[in-house]
Amino acid sequence: MAGPTIAISCDECALQETDACDDCLVSFVLGREPDDAVVIDAEEARAVRMLARAGLVPALRFASRTHRCSILRHGGLAAG
């Protein structure tokens, strides 16, 4: 059974069209096309946090426009 995932879409990001886009993890790691959403699972989210803590990649700063989503320290997802 697949674990929880988080979908990251520029159209849904509260920081879209701000200076945060210049240092966005999605653009940095994936070199994605504009308007492409990215889906990562809990294990990948943990790996991203570890890489960010080590200063190897920018931290994930996505904030949903429709509701706040945060990745909990144990790798689960919560919406509030």
PDB file of N, CA and C in Angstrom:
ATOM      1  N   MET A   1       0.844  -1.180   0.000  1.00  0.00           N
ATOM      2  CA  MET A   1       0.000   0.000   0.000  1.00  0.00           C
ATOM      3  C   MET A   1       0.887   1.241   0.000  1.00  0.00           C
ATOM      4  N   ALA A   2       0.608   2.163  -0.874  1.00  0.00           N
ATOM      5  CA  ALA A   2       1.398   3.388  -0.981  1.00  0.00           C
ATOM      6  C   ALA A   2       1.154   4.285   0.221  1.00  0.00           C
ATOM      7  N   GLY A   3       2.203   4.972   0.632  1.00  0.00           N
ATOM      8  CA  GLY A   3       2.106   5.902   1.751  1.00  0.00           C
ATOM      9  C   GLY A   3       1.530   7.234   1.304  1.00  0.00           C
ATOM     10  N   PRO A   4       1.421   8.171   2.240  1.00  0.00           N
ATOM     11  CA  PRO A   4       0.881   9.487   1.900  1.00  0.00           C
ATOM     12  C   PRO A   4       1.808  10.221   0.935  1.00  0.00           C
ATOM     13  N   THR A   5       1.229  11.068   0.113  1.00  0.00           N
ATOM     14  CA  THR A   5       2.002  11.865  -0.835  1.00  0.00           C
ATOM     15  C   THR A   5       1.636  13.332  -0.677  1.00  0.00           C
ATOM     16  N   ILE A   6       2.466  14.192  -1.222  1.00  0.00           N
ATOM     17  CA  ILE A   6       2.165  15.616  -1.280  1.00  0.00           C
ATOM     18  C   ILE A   6       2.337  16.044  -2.729  1.00  0.00           C
ATOM     19  N   ALA A   7       1.347  16.740  -3.262  1.00  0.00           N
ATOM     20  CA  ALA A   7       1.421  17.260  -4.624  1.00  0.00           C
ATOM     21  C   ALA A   7       1.816  18.726  -4.543  1.00  0.00           C
ATOM     22  N   ILE A   8       2.820  19.103  -5.308  1.00  0.00           N
ATOM     23  CA  ILE A   8       3.319  20.470  -5.296  1.00  0.00           C
ATOM     24  C   ILE A   8       3.077  21.067  -6.672  1.00  0.00           C
ATOM     25  N   SER A   9       2.239  22.075  -6.740  1.00  0.00           N
ATOM     26  CA  SER A   9       1.893  22.720  -7.998  1.00  0.00           C
ATOM     27  C   SER A   9       2.100  24.222  -7.853  1.00  0.00           C
ATOM     28  N   CYS A  10       2.765  24.826  -8.798  1.00  0.00           N
ATOM     29  CA  CYS A  10       2.974  26.273  -8.747  1.00  0.00           C
ATOM     30  C   CYS A  10       1.641  27.016  -8.680  1.00  0.00           C
ATOM     31  N   ASP A  11       0.626  26.510  -9.393  1.00  0.00           N
ATOM     32  CA  ASP A  11      -0.679  27.167  -9.386  1.00  0.00           C
ATOM     33  C   ASP A  11      -1.331  27.147  -8.014  1.00  0.00           C
ATOM     34  N   GLU A  12      -0.968  26.200  -7.166  1.00  0.00           N
ATOM     35  CA  GLU A  12      -1.548  26.084  -5.832  1.00  0.00           C
ATOM     36  C   GLU A  12      -0.658  26.676  -4.743  1.00  0.00           C
ATOM     37  N   CYS A  13       0.516  27.181  -5.103  1.00  0.00           N
ATOM     38  CA  CYS A  13       1.474  27.675  -4.112  1.00  0.00           C
ATOM     39  C   CYS A  13       1.186  29.130  -3.759  1.00  0.00           C
ATOM     40  N   ALA A  14       1.104  29.410  -2.456  1.00  0.00           N
ATOM     41  CA  ALA A  14       0.869  30.771  -1.979  1.00  0.00           C
ATOM     42  C   ALA A  14       2.049  31.687  -2.285  1.00  0.00           C
ATOM     43  N   LEU A  15       3.204  31.117  -2.581  1.00  0.00           N
ATOM     44  CA  LEU A  15       4.404  31.913  -2.857  1.00  0.00           C
ATOM     45  C   LEU A  15       4.660  32.113  -4.348  1.00  0.00           C
ATOM     46  N   GLN A  16       3.708  31.690  -5.187  1.00  0.00           N
ATOM     47  CA  GLN A  16       3.884  31.816  -6.634  1.00  0.00           C
ATOM     48  C   GLN A  16       4.126  33.271  -7.009  1.00  0.00           C
ATOM     49  N   GLU A  17       5.036  33.468  -7.958  1.00  0.00           N
ATOM     50  CA  GLU A  17       5.390  34.788  -8.484  1.00  0.00           C
ATOM     51  C   GLU A  17       6.001  35.698  -7.423  1.00  0.00           C
ATOM     52  N   THR A  18       6.712  35.104  -6.451  1.00  0.00           N
ATOM     53  CA  THR A  18       7.473  35.873  -5.472  1.00  0.00           C
ATOM     54  C   THR A  18       8.943  35.515  -5.640  1.00  0.00           C
ATOM     55  N   ASP A  19       9.794  36.146  -4.847  1.00  0.00           N
ATOM     56  CA  ASP A  19      11.222  35.831  -4.892  1.00  0.00           C
ATOM     57  C   ASP A  19      11.505  34.385  -4.501  1.00  0.00           C
ATOM     58  N   ALA A  20      10.572  33.744  -3.794  1.00  0.00           N
ATOM     59  CA  ALA A  20      10.757  32.348  -3.384  1.00  0.00           C
ATOM     60  C   ALA A  20      10.901  31.424  -4.596  1.00  0.00           C
ATOM     61  N   CYS A  21      10.311  31.777  -5.707  1.00  0.00           N
ATOM     62  CA  CYS A  21      10.399  30.949  -6.918  1.00  0.00           C
ATOM     63  C   CYS A  21      11.839  30.814  -7.409  1.00  0.00           C
ATOM     64  N   ASP A  22      12.655  31.844  -7.172  1.00  0.00           N
ATOM     65  CA  ASP A  22      14.042  31.816  -7.641  1.00  0.00           C
ATOM     66  C   ASP A  22      14.864  30.733  -6.961  1.00  0.00           C
ATOM     67  N   ASP A  23      14.477  30.342  -5.752  1.00  0.00           N
ATOM     68  CA  ASP A  23      15.223  29.349  -4.980  1.00  0.00           C
ATOM     69  C   ASP A  23      14.315  28.177  -4.603  1.00  0.00           C
ATOM     70  N   CYS A  24      13.397  27.836  -5.500  1.00  0.00           N
ATOM     71  CA  CYS A  24      12.405  26.795  -5.223  1.00  0.00           C
ATOM     72  C   CYS A  24      13.005  25.402  -5.410  1.00  0.00           C
ATOM     73  N   LEU A  25      12.758  24.532  -4.461  1.00  0.00           N
ATOM     74  CA  LEU A  25      13.253  23.158  -4.533  1.00  0.00           C
ATOM     75  C   LEU A  25      12.744  22.444  -5.781  1.00  0.00           C
ATOM     76  N   VAL A  26      11.499  22.662  -6.126  1.00  0.00           N
ATOM     77  CA  VAL A  26      10.913  21.986  -7.285  1.00  0.00           C
ATOM     78  C   VAL A  26      11.704  22.336  -8.544  1.00  0.00           C
ATOM     79  N   SER A  27      11.954  23.611  -8.758  1.00  0.00           N
ATOM     80  CA  SER A  27      12.725  24.036  -9.928  1.00  0.00           C
ATOM     81  C   SER A  27      14.170  23.570  -9.837  1.00  0.00           C
ATOM     82  N   PHE A  28      14.740  23.657  -8.653  1.00  0.00           N
ATOM     83  CA  PHE A  28      16.148  23.326  -8.439  1.00  0.00           C
ATOM     84  C   PHE A  28      16.432  21.853  -8.704  1.00  0.00           C
ATOM     85  N   VAL A  29      15.654  20.980  -8.113  1.00  0.00           N
ATOM     86  CA  VAL A  29      15.917  19.545  -8.206  1.00  0.00           C
ATOM     87  C   VAL A  29      15.398  18.942  -9.507  1.00  0.00           C
ATOM     88  N   LEU A  30      14.236  19.329  -9.931  1.00  0.00           N
ATOM     89  CA  LEU A  30      13.588  18.638 -11.035  1.00  0.00           C
ATOM     90  C   LEU A  30      13.693  19.335 -12.379  1.00  0.00           C
ATOM     91  N   GLY A  31      14.043  20.603 -12.382  1.00  0.00           N
ATOM     92  CA  GLY A  31      14.113  21.316 -13.649  1.00  0.00           C
ATOM     93  C   GLY A  31      12.824  21.174 -14.427  1.00  0.00           C
ATOM     94  N   ARG A  32      11.721  21.235 -13.741  1.00  0.00           N
ATOM     95  CA  ARG A  32      10.413  20.980 -14.332  1.00  0.00           C
ATOM     96  C   ARG A  32       9.971  22.121 -15.236  1.00  0.00           C
ATOM     97  N   GLU A  33       9.002  21.822 -16.065  1.00  0.00           N
ATOM     98  CA  GLU A  33       8.411  22.831 -16.924  1.00  0.00           C
ATOM     99  C   GLU A  33       7.439  23.672 -16.101  1.00  0.00           C
ATOM    100  N   PRO A  34       7.242  24.945 -16.473  1.00  0.00           N
ATOM    101  CA  PRO A  34       6.258  25.763 -15.760  1.00  0.00           C
ATOM    102  C   PRO A  34       4.893  25.086 -15.760  1.00  0.00           C
ATOM    103  N   ASP A  35       4.181  25.215 -14.674  1.00  0.00           N
ATOM    104  CA  ASP A  35       2.828  24.678 -14.475  1.00  0.00           C
ATOM    105  C   ASP A  35       2.773  23.168 -14.272  1.00  0.00           C
ATOM    106  N   ASP A  36       3.911  22.468 -14.206  1.00  0.00           N
ATOM    107  CA  ASP A  36       3.909  21.039 -13.903  1.00  0.00           C
ATOM    108  C   ASP A  36       3.878  20.845 -12.392  1.00  0.00           C
ATOM    109  N   ALA A  37       2.970  20.009 -11.919  1.00  0.00           N
ATOM    110  CA  ALA A  37       2.927  19.665 -10.496  1.00  0.00           C
ATOM    111  C   ALA A  37       3.947  18.568 -10.228  1.00  0.00           C
ATOM    112  N   VAL A  38       4.406  18.488  -9.004  1.00  0.00           N
ATOM    113  CA  VAL A  38       5.356  17.466  -8.573  1.00  0.00           C
ATOM    114  C   VAL A  38       4.714  16.719  -7.417  1.00  0.00           C
ATOM    115  N   VAL A  39       4.804  15.399  -7.423  1.00  0.00           N
ATOM    116  CA  VAL A  39       4.265  14.586  -6.337  1.00  0.00           C
ATOM    117  C   VAL A  39       5.419  13.813  -5.715  1.00  0.00           C
ATOM    118  N   ILE A  40       5.579  13.972  -4.395  1.00  0.00           N
ATOM    119  CA  ILE A  40       6.611  13.221  -3.681  1.00  0.00           C
ATOM    120  C   ILE A  40       5.952  12.461  -2.543  1.00  0.00           C
ATOM    121  N   ASP A  41       6.494  11.295  -2.211  1.00  0.00           N
ATOM    122  CA  ASP A  41       5.930  10.518  -1.111  1.00  0.00           C
ATOM    123  C   ASP A  41       6.637  10.886   0.191  1.00  0.00           C
ATOM    124  N   ALA A  42       6.195  10.292   1.283  1.00  0.00           N
ATOM    125  CA  ALA A  42       6.725  10.629   2.606  1.00  0.00           C
ATOM    126  C   ALA A  42       8.223  10.346   2.713  1.00  0.00           C
ATOM    127  N   GLU A  43       8.683   9.246   2.136  1.00  0.00           N
ATOM    128  CA  GLU A  43      10.114   8.927   2.180  1.00  0.00           C
ATOM    129  C   GLU A  43      10.930   9.960   1.410  1.00  0.00           C
ATOM    130  N   GLU A  44      10.434  10.364   0.255  1.00  0.00           N
ATOM    131  CA  GLU A  44      11.131  11.388  -0.526  1.00  0.00           C
ATOM    132  C   GLU A  44      11.135  12.720   0.217  1.00  0.00           C
ATOM    133  N   ALA A  45      10.027  13.038   0.890  1.00  0.00           N
ATOM    134  CA  ALA A  45       9.955  14.279   1.667  1.00  0.00           C
ATOM    135  C   ALA A  45      10.990  14.269   2.785  1.00  0.00           C
ATOM    136  N   ARG A  46      11.159  13.130   3.448  1.00  0.00           N
ATOM    137  CA  ARG A  46      12.189  13.019   4.490  1.00  0.00           C
ATOM    138  C   ARG A  46      13.579  13.224   3.896  1.00  0.00           C
ATOM    139  N   ALA A  47      13.821  12.640   2.734  1.00  0.00           N
ATOM    140  CA  ALA A  47      15.126  12.794   2.079  1.00  0.00           C
ATOM    141  C   ALA A  47      15.381  14.254   1.714  1.00  0.00           C
ATOM    142  N   VAL A  48      14.359  14.931   1.218  1.00  0.00           N
ATOM    143  CA  VAL A  48      14.495  16.344   0.871  1.00  0.00           C
ATOM    144  C   VAL A  48      14.837  17.158   2.114  1.00  0.00           C
ATOM    145  N   ARG A  49      14.152  16.879   3.235  1.00  0.00           N
ATOM    146  CA  ARG A  49      14.451  17.602   4.483  1.00  0.00           C
ATOM    147  C   ARG A  49      15.892  17.368   4.914  1.00  0.00           C
ATOM    148  N   MET A  50      16.364  16.136   4.803  1.00  0.00           N
ATOM    149  CA  MET A  50      17.746  15.828   5.185  1.00  0.00           C
ATOM    150  C   MET A  50      18.737  16.566   4.288  1.00  0.00           C
ATOM    151  N   LEU A  51      18.489  16.586   2.988  1.00  0.00           N
ATOM    152  CA  LEU A  51      19.364  17.305   2.065  1.00  0.00           C
ATOM    153  C   LEU A  51      19.350  18.804   2.351  1.00  0.00           C
ATOM    154  N   ALA A  52      18.171  19.337   2.669  1.00  0.00           N
ATOM    155  CA  ALA A  52      18.063  20.767   2.980  1.00  0.00           C
ATOM    156  C   ALA A  52      18.814  21.100   4.266  1.00  0.00           C
ATOM    157  N   ARG A  53      18.672  20.252   5.288  1.00  0.00           N
ATOM    158  CA  ARG A  53      19.397  20.487   6.543  1.00  0.00           C
ATOM    159  C   ARG A  53      20.903  20.481   6.334  1.00  0.00           C
ATOM    160  N   ALA A  54      21.368  19.686   5.383  1.00  0.00           N
ATOM    161  CA  ALA A  54      22.799  19.611   5.088  1.00  0.00           C
ATOM    162  C   ALA A  54      23.249  20.747   4.166  1.00  0.00           C
ATOM    163  N   GLY A  55      22.302  21.563   3.705  1.00  0.00           N
ATOM    164  CA  GLY A  55      22.640  22.679   2.833  1.00  0.00           C
ATOM    165  C   GLY A  55      22.881  22.286   1.386  1.00  0.00           C
ATOM    166  N   LEU A  56      22.442  21.098   1.003  1.00  0.00           N
ATOM    167  CA  LEU A  56      22.677  20.614  -0.359  1.00  0.00           C
ATOM    168  C   LEU A  56      21.606  21.039  -1.354  1.00  0.00           C
ATOM    169  N   VAL A  57      20.394  21.290  -0.876  1.00  0.00           N
ATOM    170  CA  VAL A  57      19.300  21.768  -1.720  1.00  0.00           C
ATOM    171  C   VAL A  57      18.521  22.806  -0.924  1.00  0.00           C
ATOM    172  N   PRO A  58      17.771  23.675  -1.611  1.00  0.00           N
ATOM    173  CA  PRO A  58      16.921  24.613  -0.877  1.00  0.00           C
ATOM    174  C   PRO A  58      15.819  23.854  -0.144  1.00  0.00           C
ATOM    175  N   ALA A  59      15.345  24.408   0.951  1.00  0.00           N
ATOM    176  CA  ALA A  59      14.248  23.798   1.707  1.00  0.00           C
ATOM    177  C   ALA A  59      12.945  23.920   0.922  1.00  0.00           C
ATOM    178  N   LEU A  60      12.059  22.968   1.119  1.00  0.00           N
ATOM    179  CA  LEU A  60      10.737  23.005   0.503  1.00  0.00           C
ATOM    180  C   LEU A  60       9.925  24.106   1.167  1.00  0.00           C
ATOM    181  N   ARG A  61       9.433  25.063   0.386  1.00  0.00           N
ATOM    182  CA  ARG A  61       8.681  26.188   0.936  1.00  0.00           C
ATOM    183  C   ARG A  61       7.253  26.239   0.425  1.00  0.00           C
ATOM    184  N   PHE A  62       6.804  25.199  -0.229  1.00  0.00           N
ATOM    185  CA  PHE A  62       5.448  25.180  -0.775  1.00  0.00           C
ATOM    186  C   PHE A  62       4.423  25.385   0.326  1.00  0.00           C
ATOM    187  N   ALA A  63       3.457  26.262   0.090  1.00  0.00           N
ATOM    188  CA  ALA A  63       2.338  26.486   1.004  1.00  0.00           C
ATOM    189  C   ALA A  63       1.075  26.533   0.153  1.00  0.00           C
ATOM    190  N   SER A  64       0.162  25.603   0.379  1.00  0.00           N
ATOM    191  CA  SER A  64      -1.053  25.500  -0.420  1.00  0.00           C
ATOM    192  C   SER A  64      -1.905  26.753  -0.288  1.00  0.00           C
ATOM    193  N   ARG A  65      -2.447  27.219  -1.396  1.00  0.00           N
ATOM    194  CA  ARG A  65      -3.358  28.367  -1.364  1.00  0.00           C
ATOM    195  C   ARG A  65      -4.711  27.974  -0.786  1.00  0.00           C
ATOM    196  N   THR A  66      -5.140  26.729  -1.013  1.00  0.00           N
ATOM    197  CA  THR A  66      -6.473  26.310  -0.589  1.00  0.00           C
ATOM    198  C   THR A  66      -6.517  25.865   0.862  1.00  0.00           C
ATOM    199  N   HIS A  67      -5.451  25.305   1.367  1.00  0.00           N
ATOM    200  CA  HIS A  67      -5.352  24.933   2.782  1.00  0.00           C
ATOM    201  C   HIS A  67      -3.890  24.725   3.121  1.00  0.00           C
ATOM    202  N   ARG A  68      -3.569  24.905   4.373  1.00  0.00           N
ATOM    203  CA  ARG A  68      -2.180  24.752   4.803  1.00  0.00           C
ATOM    204  C   ARG A  68      -1.853  23.269   4.925  1.00  0.00           C
ATOM    205  N   CYS A  69      -0.774  22.829   4.287  1.00  0.00           N
ATOM    206  CA  CYS A  69      -0.298  21.455   4.408  1.00  0.00           C
ATOM    207  C   CYS A  69       1.098  21.504   4.993  1.00  0.00           C
ATOM    208  N   SER A  70       1.372  20.622   5.917  1.00  0.00           N
ATOM    209  CA  SER A  70       2.729  20.547   6.443  1.00  0.00           C
ATOM    210  C   SER A  70       3.125  19.095   6.588  1.00  0.00           C
ATOM    211  N   ILE A  71       4.382  18.828   6.373  1.00  0.00           N
ATOM    212  CA  ILE A  71       4.912  17.481   6.536  1.00  0.00           C
ATOM    213  C   ILE A  71       5.390  17.359   7.970  1.00  0.00           C
ATOM    214  N   LEU A  72       4.821  16.418   8.689  1.00  0.00           N
ATOM    215  CA  LEU A  72       5.196  16.229  10.080  1.00  0.00           C
ATOM    216  C   LEU A  72       6.574  15.614  10.188  1.00  0.00           C
ATOM    217  N   ARG A  73       7.199  15.779  11.317  1.00  0.00           N
ATOM    218  CA  ARG A  73       8.556  15.274  11.515  1.00  0.00           C
ATOM    219  C   ARG A  73       8.654  13.774  11.279  1.00  0.00           C
ATOM    220  N   HIS A  74       7.594  13.022  11.549  1.00  0.00           N
ATOM    221  CA  HIS A  74       7.653  11.571  11.336  1.00  0.00           C
ATOM    222  C   HIS A  74       7.309  11.185   9.910  1.00  0.00           C
ATOM    223  N   GLY A  75       7.100  12.160   9.032  1.00  0.00           N
ATOM    224  CA  GLY A  75       6.892  11.865   7.620  1.00  0.00           C
ATOM    225  C   GLY A  75       5.446  11.811   7.190  1.00  0.00           C
ATOM    226  N   GLY A  76       4.504  11.988   8.106  1.00  0.00           N
ATOM    227  CA  GLY A  76       3.101  11.977   7.719  1.00  0.00           C
ATOM    228  C   GLY A  76       2.677  13.343   7.229  1.00  0.00           C
ATOM    229  N   LEU A  77       1.449  13.442   6.767  1.00  0.00           N
ATOM    230  CA  LEU A  77       0.923  14.702   6.288  1.00  0.00           C
ATOM    231  C   LEU A  77      -0.204  15.156   7.188  1.00  0.00           C
ATOM    232  N   ALA A  78      -0.345  16.459   7.319  1.00  0.00           N
ATOM    233  CA  ALA A  78      -1.453  17.023   8.081  1.00  0.00           C
ATOM    234  C   ALA A  78      -1.968  18.230   7.329  1.00  0.00           C
ATOM    235  N   ALA A  79      -3.246  18.420   7.320  1.00  0.00           N
ATOM    236  CA  ALA A  79      -3.845  19.603   6.713  1.00  0.00           C
ATOM    237  C   ALA A  79      -4.577  20.352   7.804  1.00  0.00           C
ATOM    238  N   GLY A  80      -4.487  21.647   7.768  1.00  0.00           N
ATOM    239  CA  GLY A  80      -5.147  22.416   8.806  1.00  0.00           C
ATOM    240  C   GLY A  80      -5.684  23.695   8.314  1.00  0.00           C
TER     241      GLY A  80
END
